[in-house]
C-alpha atoms as a PDB file:
ATOM      1  CA  MET A   1      23.448   9.734  -3.074  1.00  0.00           C
ATOM      2  CA  LYS A   2      21.476   7.490  -5.443  1.00  0.00           C
ATOM      3  CA  PRO A   3      21.501   4.469  -3.064  1.00  0.00           C
ATOM      4  CA  PHE A   4      20.035   6.689  -0.303  1.00  0.00           C
ATOM      5  CA  PHE A   5      16.992   7.609  -2.414  1.00  0.00           C
ATOM      6  CA  HIS A   6      16.601   3.989  -3.515  1.00  0.00           C
ATOM      7  CA  CYS A   7      16.563   2.855   0.140  1.00  0.00           C
ATOM      8  CA  LEU A   8      14.194   5.668   1.097  1.00  0.00           C
ATOM      9  CA  ALA A   9      11.772   4.742  -1.694  1.00  0.00           C
ATOM     10  CA  TRP A  10      11.957   1.073  -0.662  1.00  0.00           C
ATOM     11  CA  ALA A  11      11.237   1.964   2.992  1.00  0.00           C
ATOM     12  CA  VAL A  12       8.229   4.109   2.071  1.00  0.00           C
ATOM     13  CA  LEU A  13       6.839   1.375  -0.174  1.00  0.00           C
ATOM     14  CA  ASN A  14       7.246  -1.224   2.602  1.00  0.00           C
ATOM     15  CA  VAL A  15       5.391   0.982   5.086  1.00  0.00           C
ATOM     16  CA  LEU A  16       2.517   1.511   2.674  1.00  0.00           C
ATOM     17  CA  VAL A  17       2.264  -2.153   1.750  1.00  0.00           C
ATOM     18  CA  LEU A  18       2.698  -3.495   5.292  1.00  0.00           C
ATOM     19  CA  ASN A  19       0.052  -1.153   6.698  1.00  0.00           C
ATOM     20  CA  HIS A  20      -2.571  -2.692   4.459  1.00  0.00           C
ATOM     21  CA  ALA A  21      -1.197  -6.208   3.994  1.00  0.00           C
ATOM     22  CA  GLY A  22      -3.609  -9.078   4.326  1.00  0.00           C
ATOM     23  CA  ALA A  23      -6.783  -7.032   4.540  1.00  0.00           C
ATOM     24  CA  ALA A  24      -9.305  -7.661   1.817  1.00  0.00           C
ATOM     25  CA  PRO A  25     -11.859  -4.911   1.180  1.00  0.00           C
ATOM     26  CA  VAL A  26     -14.405  -4.910   3.996  1.00  0.00           C
ATOM     27  CA  PRO A  27     -17.989  -5.104   2.653  1.00  0.00           C
ATOM     28  CA  ASP A  28     -20.728  -2.769   3.829  1.00  0.00           C
ATOM     29  CA  CYS A  29     -23.091  -4.267   6.406  1.00  0.00           C
ATOM     30  CA  LYS A  30     -26.404  -5.495   5.067  1.00  0.00           C
ATOM     31  CA  SER A  31     -27.609  -5.334   8.654  1.00  0.00           C
ATOM     32  CA  GLY A  32     -25.523  -3.865  11.429  1.00  0.00           C
ATOM     33  CA  PRO A  33     -26.146  -3.568  15.130  1.00  0.00           C
ATOM     34  CA  SER A  34     -29.812  -4.234  15.878  1.00  0.00           C
ATOM     35  CA  LYS A  35     -31.828  -1.156  16.739  1.00  0.00           C
ATOM     36  CA  THR A  36     -34.607  -3.065  18.513  1.00  0.00           C
ATOM     37  CA  LEU A  37     -33.160  -5.950  20.546  1.00  0.00           C
ATOM     38  CA  PRO A  38     -33.714  -6.371  23.439  1.00  0.00           C
ATOM     39  CA  THR A  39     -35.184  -2.868  23.874  1.00  0.00           C
ATOM     40  CA  PRO A  40     -34.525   0.373  21.999  1.00  0.00           C
ATOM     41  CA  GLN A  41     -32.782   1.821  25.080  1.00  0.00           C
ATOM     42  CA  ASP A  42     -30.516  -1.216  25.500  1.00  0.00           C
ATOM     43  CA  SER A  43     -30.149  -2.310  21.894  1.00  0.00           C
ATOM     44  CA  GLU A  44     -26.912  -3.136  20.091  1.00  0.00           C
ATOM     45  CA  TYR A  45     -27.338   0.162  18.256  1.00  0.00           C
ATOM     46  CA  ASP A  46     -27.607   2.028  21.563  1.00  0.00           C
ATOM     47  CA  HIS A  47     -24.332   0.385  22.671  1.00  0.00           C
ATOM     48  CA  TYR A  48     -22.805   1.322  19.294  1.00  0.00           C
ATOM     49  CA  ARG A  49     -23.806   4.997  19.703  1.00  0.00           C
ATOM     50  CA  ASN A  50     -22.310   4.994  23.209  1.00  0.00           C
ATOM     51  CA  ALA A  51     -19.107   3.451  21.809  1.00  0.00           C
ATOM     52  CA  LYS A  52     -18.763   6.300  19.311  1.00  0.00           C
ATOM     53  CA  VAL A  53     -19.111   8.823  22.148  1.00  0.00           C
ATOM     54  CA  LYS A  54     -16.449   7.011  24.208  1.00  0.00           C
ATOM     55  CA  ALA A  55     -14.095   6.732  21.220  1.00  0.00           C
ATOM     56  CA  VAL A  56     -13.973  10.483  20.657  1.00  0.00           C
ATOM     57  CA  ALA A  57     -13.884  11.278  24.395  1.00  0.00           C
ATOM     58  CA  GLY A  58     -10.387   9.851  24.816  1.00  0.00           C
ATOM     59  CA  PRO A  59      -8.386   6.684  25.405  1.00  0.00           C
ATOM     60  CA  ARG A  60      -9.339   6.144  29.063  1.00  0.00           C
ATOM     61  CA  GLY A  61     -11.663   3.154  29.371  1.00  0.00           C
ATOM     62  CA  ASN A  62     -11.369   2.155  25.704  1.00  0.00           C
ATOM     63  CA  ARG A  63      -9.980  -1.279  24.772  1.00  0.00           C
ATOM     64  CA  GLU A  64      -7.527  -1.198  21.878  1.00  0.00           C
ATOM     65  CA  PHE A  65      -8.084  -3.717  19.096  1.00  0.00           C
ATOM     66  CA  ASP A  66      -4.837  -4.932  17.537  1.00  0.00           C
ATOM     67  CA  ASN A  67      -6.277  -6.416  14.320  1.00  0.00           C
ATOM     68  CA  ARG A  68      -4.356  -9.707  14.763  1.00  0.00           C
ATOM     69  CA  GLU A  69      -6.720 -11.362  12.300  1.00  0.00           C
ATOM     70  CA  ARG A  70      -5.692  -8.768   9.675  1.00  0.00           C
ATOM     71  CA  LEU A  71      -9.251  -8.599   8.352  1.00  0.00           C
ATOM     72  CA  LEU A  72      -9.393  -4.809   8.693  1.00  0.00           C
ATOM     73  CA  PRO A  73      -7.193  -2.277   6.917  1.00  0.00           C
ATOM     74  CA  GLY A  74      -3.968  -1.346   8.673  1.00  0.00           C
ATOM     75  CA  THR A  75      -3.723   1.843  10.656  1.00  0.00           C
ATOM     76  CA  ALA A  76      -1.798   4.934   9.690  1.00  0.00           C
ATOM     77  CA  ARG A  77       0.019   7.323  11.981  1.00  0.00           C
ATOM     78  CA  ASN A  78      -2.239   8.692  14.742  1.00  0.00           C
ATOM     79  CA  GLU A  79      -4.925   6.065  14.099  1.00  0.00           C
ATOM     80  CA  VAL A  80      -5.993   3.365  16.533  1.00  0.00           C
ATOM     81  CA  TYR A  81      -8.725   0.721  16.584  1.00  0.00           C
ATOM     82  CA  TYR A  82     -10.949   0.432  19.667  1.00  0.00           C
ATOM     83  CA  GLU A  83     -13.332  -2.464  20.323  1.00  0.00           C
ATOM     84  CA  TYR A  84     -16.698  -2.359  22.086  1.00  0.00           C
ATOM     85  CA  ASP A  85     -19.118  -5.053  23.241  1.00  0.00           C
ATOM     86  CA  LEU A  86     -22.603  -4.781  21.756  1.00  0.00           C
ATOM     87  CA  GLY A  87     -24.707  -6.669  24.244  1.00  0.00           C
ATOM     88  CA  LYS A  88     -24.578  -9.874  26.222  1.00  0.00           C
ATOM     89  CA  ASP A  89     -24.749 -13.554  25.314  1.00  0.00           C
ATOM     90  CA  GLY A  90     -27.624 -14.419  27.697  1.00  0.00           C
ATOM     91  CA  PHE A  91     -25.265 -16.024  30.237  1.00  0.00           C
ATOM     92  CA  ASP A  92     -23.810 -12.742  31.586  1.00  0.00           C
ATOM     93  CA  GLY A  93     -20.920 -13.043  29.141  1.00  0.00           C
ATOM     94  CA  ARG A  94     -19.739 -10.408  26.690  1.00  0.00           C
ATOM     95  CA  GLY A  95     -21.314 -12.043  23.654  1.00  0.00           C
ATOM     96  CA  ALA A  96     -19.822 -12.254  20.158  1.00  0.00           C
ATOM     97  CA  ASP A  97     -21.154  -8.990  18.680  1.00  0.00           C
ATOM     98  CA  ARG A  98     -18.594  -6.186  18.647  1.00  0.00           C
ATOM     99  CA  ALA A  99     -18.059  -2.776  17.126  1.00  0.00           C
ATOM    100  CA  VAL A 100     -14.500  -1.894  16.136  1.00  0.00           C
ATOM    101  CA  LEU A 101     -13.926   1.802  15.495  1.00  0.00           C
ATOM    102  CA  LEU A 102     -10.951   3.346  13.723  1.00  0.00           C
ATOM    103  CA  VAL A 103     -10.192   6.609  15.546  1.00  0.00           C
ATOM    104  CA  LEU A 104      -7.930   9.486  14.523  1.00  0.00           C
ATOM    105  CA  THR A 105      -6.028  10.392  17.699  1.00  0.00           C
ATOM    106  CA  GLY A 106      -3.243  12.745  16.628  1.00  0.00           C
ATOM    107  CA  ASN A 107      -4.662  16.067  17.672  1.00  0.00           C
ATOM    108  CA  ASP A 108      -6.867  17.510  20.407  1.00  0.00           C
ATOM    109  CA  LYS A 109      -9.961  16.671  18.384  1.00  0.00           C
ATOM    110  CA  ARG A 110     -10.486  12.908  18.073  1.00  0.00           C
ATOM    111  CA  LYS A 111     -12.641  11.592  15.237  1.00  0.00           C
ATOM    112  CA  VAL A 112     -14.138   8.216  14.265  1.00  0.00           C
ATOM    113  CA  LEU A 113     -12.908   7.497  10.727  1.00  0.00           C
ATOM    114  CA  GLU A 114     -14.528   4.079  10.128  1.00  0.00           C
ATOM    115  CA  SER A 115     -16.861   1.766  12.012  1.00  0.00           C
ATOM    116  CA  TYR A 116     -16.892  -2.012  11.663  1.00  0.00           C
ATOM    117  CA  TYR A 117     -19.214  -4.697  13.010  1.00  0.00           C
ATOM    118  CA  THR A 118     -18.605  -8.361  13.763  1.00  0.00           C
ATOM    119  CA  ARG A 119     -21.351 -10.764  14.723  1.00  0.00           C
ATOM    120  CA  ASP A 120     -18.967 -13.736  15.086  1.00  0.00           C
ATOM    121  CA  HIS A 121     -16.248 -12.457  17.445  1.00  0.00           C
ATOM    122  CA  TYR A 122     -13.752 -11.258  14.799  1.00  0.00           C
ATOM    123  CA  GLY A 123     -14.354 -14.121  12.360  1.00  0.00           C
ATOM    124  CA  SER A 124     -15.638 -11.615   9.783  1.00  0.00           C
ATOM    125  CA  PHE A 125     -16.389  -7.907   9.580  1.00  0.00           C
ATOM    126  CA  CYS A 126     -18.634  -5.525   7.700  1.00  0.00           C
ATOM    127  CA  ARG A 127     -18.438  -1.725   7.548  1.00  0.00           C
ATOM    128  CA  ILE A 128     -21.192   0.174   9.349  1.00  0.00           C
ATOM    129  CA  THR A 129     -22.544   2.865   7.032  1.00  0.00           C
ATOM    130  CA  TYR A 130     -25.204   4.556   9.159  1.00  0.00           C
END
């Protein structure tokens, strides 16, 4: 019976470590999505607010973010990252600014747990605190 508990403890430890492997603490944003560019109604912040509404509305139409760069903390059970464009690049492209939201999905009531911002297309992240 002792080897069973040893293996169980090892498995639990691996899950905990692997979920958060490679992710350094994400700093808070000094400046997040712009509230004024190009206009208040079509600003990055407006897109960010709309992303939060979509994230809690359900999975349809949301793009999952798989955290390949491992710059964000790992997800736990019933958590998923979704990514959202925050404006255009001036050439009708998606641009480099993105919001990545960690969403709790395990029950009927979805909830945004954390919000992250990248200005350089996943090269670095900061945590949105407003």
